[in-house]
């Protein structure tokens, strides 16, 4: 599959072929490794909403703690 870089105003952009099923509005981190552009989806911070984790520590059992202490 091929595409090309297009001029969009004072910037440039890439048109993704429909077959890739890219989602409009989805955000990505872009980096460049030598001559290759790499797009990585941005994910929300798992711990951003403290209320979602309220009471979690109290729910950890002794068995959970034992698993965490197993040496490899």
N, C-alpha and C. Protein backbone atom coordinates (compact mmCIF):
# COMPACT_ATOMS: atom_id res chain seq x y z
N UNK A 1 0.85 -1.16 0.00
CA UNK A 1 0.00 0.00 0.00
C UNK A 1 0.90 1.24 0.00
N UNK A 2 0.52 2.24 -0.74
CA UNK A 2 1.30 3.47 -0.81
C UNK A 2 0.42 4.67 -0.54
N UNK A 3 1.04 5.74 -0.07
CA UNK A 3 0.38 7.03 0.08
C UNK A 3 1.46 8.09 -0.12
N UNK A 4 1.06 9.34 -0.10
CA UNK A 4 2.07 10.39 -0.24
C UNK A 4 1.77 11.51 0.73
N UNK A 5 2.79 12.27 1.04
CA UNK A 5 2.64 13.42 1.93
C UNK A 5 2.08 14.57 1.10
N UNK A 6 1.03 15.22 1.63
CA UNK A 6 0.35 16.32 0.94
C UNK A 6 0.53 17.61 1.73
N UNK A 7 0.50 18.74 1.04
CA UNK A 7 0.55 20.04 1.70
C UNK A 7 -0.86 20.39 2.16
N UNK A 8 -0.98 20.76 3.44
CA UNK A 8 -2.26 21.17 4.01
C UNK A 8 -2.02 22.50 4.72
N UNK A 9 -2.34 23.61 4.06
CA UNK A 9 -2.04 24.93 4.62
C UNK A 9 -0.54 25.10 4.75
N UNK A 10 -0.08 25.49 5.96
CA UNK A 10 1.36 25.64 6.20
C UNK A 10 1.99 24.35 6.70
N UNK A 11 1.21 23.28 6.77
CA UNK A 11 1.69 22.00 7.28
C UNK A 11 1.65 20.95 6.18
N UNK A 12 1.98 19.73 6.56
CA UNK A 12 1.85 18.61 5.64
C UNK A 12 1.06 17.51 6.33
N UNK A 13 0.48 16.62 5.56
CA UNK A 13 -0.30 15.53 6.13
C UNK A 13 -0.27 14.32 5.21
N UNK A 14 -0.81 13.24 5.72
CA UNK A 14 -0.86 11.99 4.97
C UNK A 14 -2.31 11.55 4.89
N UNK A 15 -2.73 11.09 3.74
CA UNK A 15 -4.06 10.52 3.58
C UNK A 15 -3.92 9.01 3.70
N UNK A 16 -4.63 8.45 4.69
CA UNK A 16 -4.56 7.01 4.91
C UNK A 16 -5.59 6.31 4.02
N UNK A 17 -5.19 5.26 3.33
CA UNK A 17 -6.15 4.51 2.52
C UNK A 17 -7.28 3.95 3.39
N UNK A 18 -8.48 3.91 2.86
CA UNK A 18 -9.66 3.43 3.59
C UNK A 18 -9.43 2.03 4.15
N UNK A 19 -8.67 1.20 3.44
CA UNK A 19 -8.43 -0.18 3.87
C UNK A 19 -7.76 -0.26 5.25
N UNK A 20 -7.07 0.80 5.66
CA UNK A 20 -6.42 0.80 6.97
C UNK A 20 -7.40 1.10 8.11
N UNK A 21 -8.60 1.53 7.77
CA UNK A 21 -9.65 1.81 8.75
C UNK A 21 -9.20 2.77 9.85
N UNK A 22 -8.51 3.83 9.48
CA UNK A 22 -8.07 4.84 10.45
C UNK A 22 -9.29 5.57 10.99
N UNK A 23 -9.28 5.87 12.30
CA UNK A 23 -10.40 6.55 12.94
C UNK A 23 -10.18 8.06 12.92
N UNK A 24 -11.14 8.79 12.36
CA UNK A 24 -11.06 10.25 12.32
C UNK A 24 -11.11 10.79 13.74
N UNK A 25 -10.20 11.68 14.09
CA UNK A 25 -10.19 12.30 15.40
C UNK A 25 -9.34 11.59 16.43
N UNK A 26 -8.90 10.37 16.15
CA UNK A 26 -8.07 9.63 17.10
C UNK A 26 -6.70 10.29 17.16
N UNK A 27 -6.14 10.41 18.37
CA UNK A 27 -4.86 11.10 18.54
C UNK A 27 -3.71 10.10 18.61
N UNK A 28 -2.58 10.53 18.04
CA UNK A 28 -1.38 9.70 17.99
C UNK A 28 -0.16 10.50 18.39
N UNK A 29 0.81 9.82 18.95
CA UNK A 29 2.14 10.40 19.15
C UNK A 29 2.91 10.03 17.89
N UNK A 30 3.64 10.98 17.33
CA UNK A 30 4.41 10.68 16.12
C UNK A 30 5.89 10.87 16.44
N UNK A 31 6.69 9.94 15.97
CA UNK A 31 8.14 10.05 16.14
C UNK A 31 8.79 9.63 14.82
N UNK A 32 10.03 10.02 14.68
CA UNK A 32 10.75 9.69 13.46
C UNK A 32 11.99 8.89 13.83
N UNK A 33 12.13 7.73 13.23
CA UNK A 33 13.29 6.87 13.43
C UNK A 33 13.98 6.77 12.08
N UNK A 34 15.11 7.46 11.97
CA UNK A 34 15.83 7.59 10.69
C UNK A 34 14.87 8.13 9.63
N UNK A 35 14.51 7.35 8.61
CA UNK A 35 13.61 7.86 7.57
C UNK A 35 12.20 7.29 7.70
N UNK A 36 11.85 6.78 8.89
CA UNK A 36 10.55 6.15 9.10
C UNK A 36 9.74 6.92 10.13
N UNK A 37 8.49 7.25 9.79
CA UNK A 37 7.57 7.88 10.74
C UNK A 37 6.81 6.79 11.46
N UNK A 38 6.71 6.92 12.78
CA UNK A 38 6.02 5.91 13.59
C UNK A 38 4.87 6.60 14.33
N UNK A 39 3.65 6.10 14.15
CA UNK A 39 2.47 6.61 14.85
C UNK A 39 2.10 5.64 15.95
N UNK A 40 1.96 6.16 17.18
CA UNK A 40 1.57 5.34 18.32
C UNK A 40 0.31 5.94 18.92
N UNK A 41 -0.76 5.16 19.07
CA UNK A 41 -2.00 5.71 19.64
C UNK A 41 -1.77 6.24 21.05
N UNK A 42 -2.36 7.40 21.34
CA UNK A 42 -2.30 7.94 22.70
C UNK A 42 -3.37 7.24 23.52
N UNK A 43 -3.02 6.83 24.69
CA UNK A 43 -3.97 6.17 25.59
C UNK A 43 -4.19 7.05 26.80
N UNK A 44 -5.38 6.98 27.33
CA UNK A 44 -5.67 7.80 28.51
C UNK A 44 -4.91 7.24 29.71
N UNK A 45 -4.64 8.10 30.67
CA UNK A 45 -3.94 7.72 31.89
C UNK A 45 -4.85 6.84 32.73
N UNK A 46 -4.44 5.62 32.96
CA UNK A 46 -5.24 4.65 33.70
C UNK A 46 -5.60 5.14 35.10
N UNK A 47 -4.73 5.94 35.71
CA UNK A 47 -4.95 6.38 37.08
C UNK A 47 -5.44 7.82 37.18
N UNK A 48 -5.89 8.40 36.07
CA UNK A 48 -6.30 9.81 36.06
C UNK A 48 -7.50 10.09 36.96
N UNK A 49 -8.45 9.19 37.01
CA UNK A 49 -9.66 9.40 37.82
C UNK A 49 -9.51 8.66 39.15
N UNK A 50 -9.08 9.36 40.17
CA UNK A 50 -8.82 8.75 41.48
C UNK A 50 -10.06 8.06 42.04
N UNK A 51 -11.24 8.58 41.74
CA UNK A 51 -12.48 8.00 42.26
C UNK A 51 -12.69 6.57 41.75
N UNK A 52 -12.17 6.27 40.57
CA UNK A 52 -12.31 4.92 40.02
C UNK A 52 -11.54 3.89 40.85
N UNK A 53 -10.54 4.34 41.59
CA UNK A 53 -9.69 3.44 42.36
C UNK A 53 -10.02 3.45 43.85
N UNK A 54 -11.00 4.23 44.23
CA UNK A 54 -11.37 4.34 45.65
C UNK A 54 -11.76 2.96 46.18
N UNK A 55 -11.16 2.57 47.28
CA UNK A 55 -11.44 1.28 47.91
C UNK A 55 -10.66 0.12 47.33
N UNK A 56 -9.86 0.35 46.30
CA UNK A 56 -9.12 -0.74 45.67
C UNK A 56 -8.14 -1.40 46.63
N UNK A 57 -7.38 -0.58 47.36
CA UNK A 57 -6.40 -1.14 48.29
C UNK A 57 -7.05 -2.05 49.32
N UNK A 58 -8.24 -1.68 49.76
CA UNK A 58 -8.94 -2.50 50.74
C UNK A 58 -9.40 -3.83 50.15
N UNK A 59 -9.50 -3.89 48.82
CA UNK A 59 -9.99 -5.10 48.15
C UNK A 59 -8.88 -6.11 47.87
N UNK A 60 -7.61 -5.72 48.07
CA UNK A 60 -6.49 -6.62 47.81
C UNK A 60 -6.43 -7.65 48.94
N UNK A 61 -6.43 -8.92 48.56
CA UNK A 61 -6.44 -10.00 49.56
C UNK A 61 -5.02 -10.45 49.90
N UNK A 62 -4.90 -11.25 50.95
CA UNK A 62 -3.60 -11.82 51.31
C UNK A 62 -3.08 -12.71 50.18
N UNK A 63 -3.98 -13.40 49.49
CA UNK A 63 -3.58 -14.24 48.36
C UNK A 63 -2.99 -13.38 47.24
N UNK A 64 -3.58 -12.21 46.98
CA UNK A 64 -3.04 -11.29 45.97
C UNK A 64 -1.62 -10.88 46.34
N UNK A 65 -1.43 -10.54 47.61
CA UNK A 65 -0.10 -10.12 48.08
C UNK A 65 0.91 -11.25 47.92
N UNK A 66 0.49 -12.49 48.21
CA UNK A 66 1.39 -13.64 48.08
C UNK A 66 1.85 -13.80 46.63
N UNK A 67 0.94 -13.61 45.67
CA UNK A 67 1.31 -13.71 44.26
C UNK A 67 2.33 -12.64 43.89
N UNK A 68 2.18 -11.44 44.44
CA UNK A 68 3.11 -10.35 44.14
C UNK A 68 4.51 -10.64 44.67
N UNK A 69 4.61 -11.48 45.70
CA UNK A 69 5.91 -11.75 46.33
C UNK A 69 6.59 -13.00 45.79
N UNK A 70 5.98 -13.70 44.86
CA UNK A 70 6.60 -14.90 44.28
C UNK A 70 7.84 -14.49 43.50
N UNK A 71 8.94 -15.18 43.77
CA UNK A 71 10.18 -14.88 43.05
C UNK A 71 10.23 -15.71 41.78
N UNK A 72 10.76 -15.11 40.76
CA UNK A 72 10.84 -15.79 39.46
C UNK A 72 12.03 -16.70 39.39
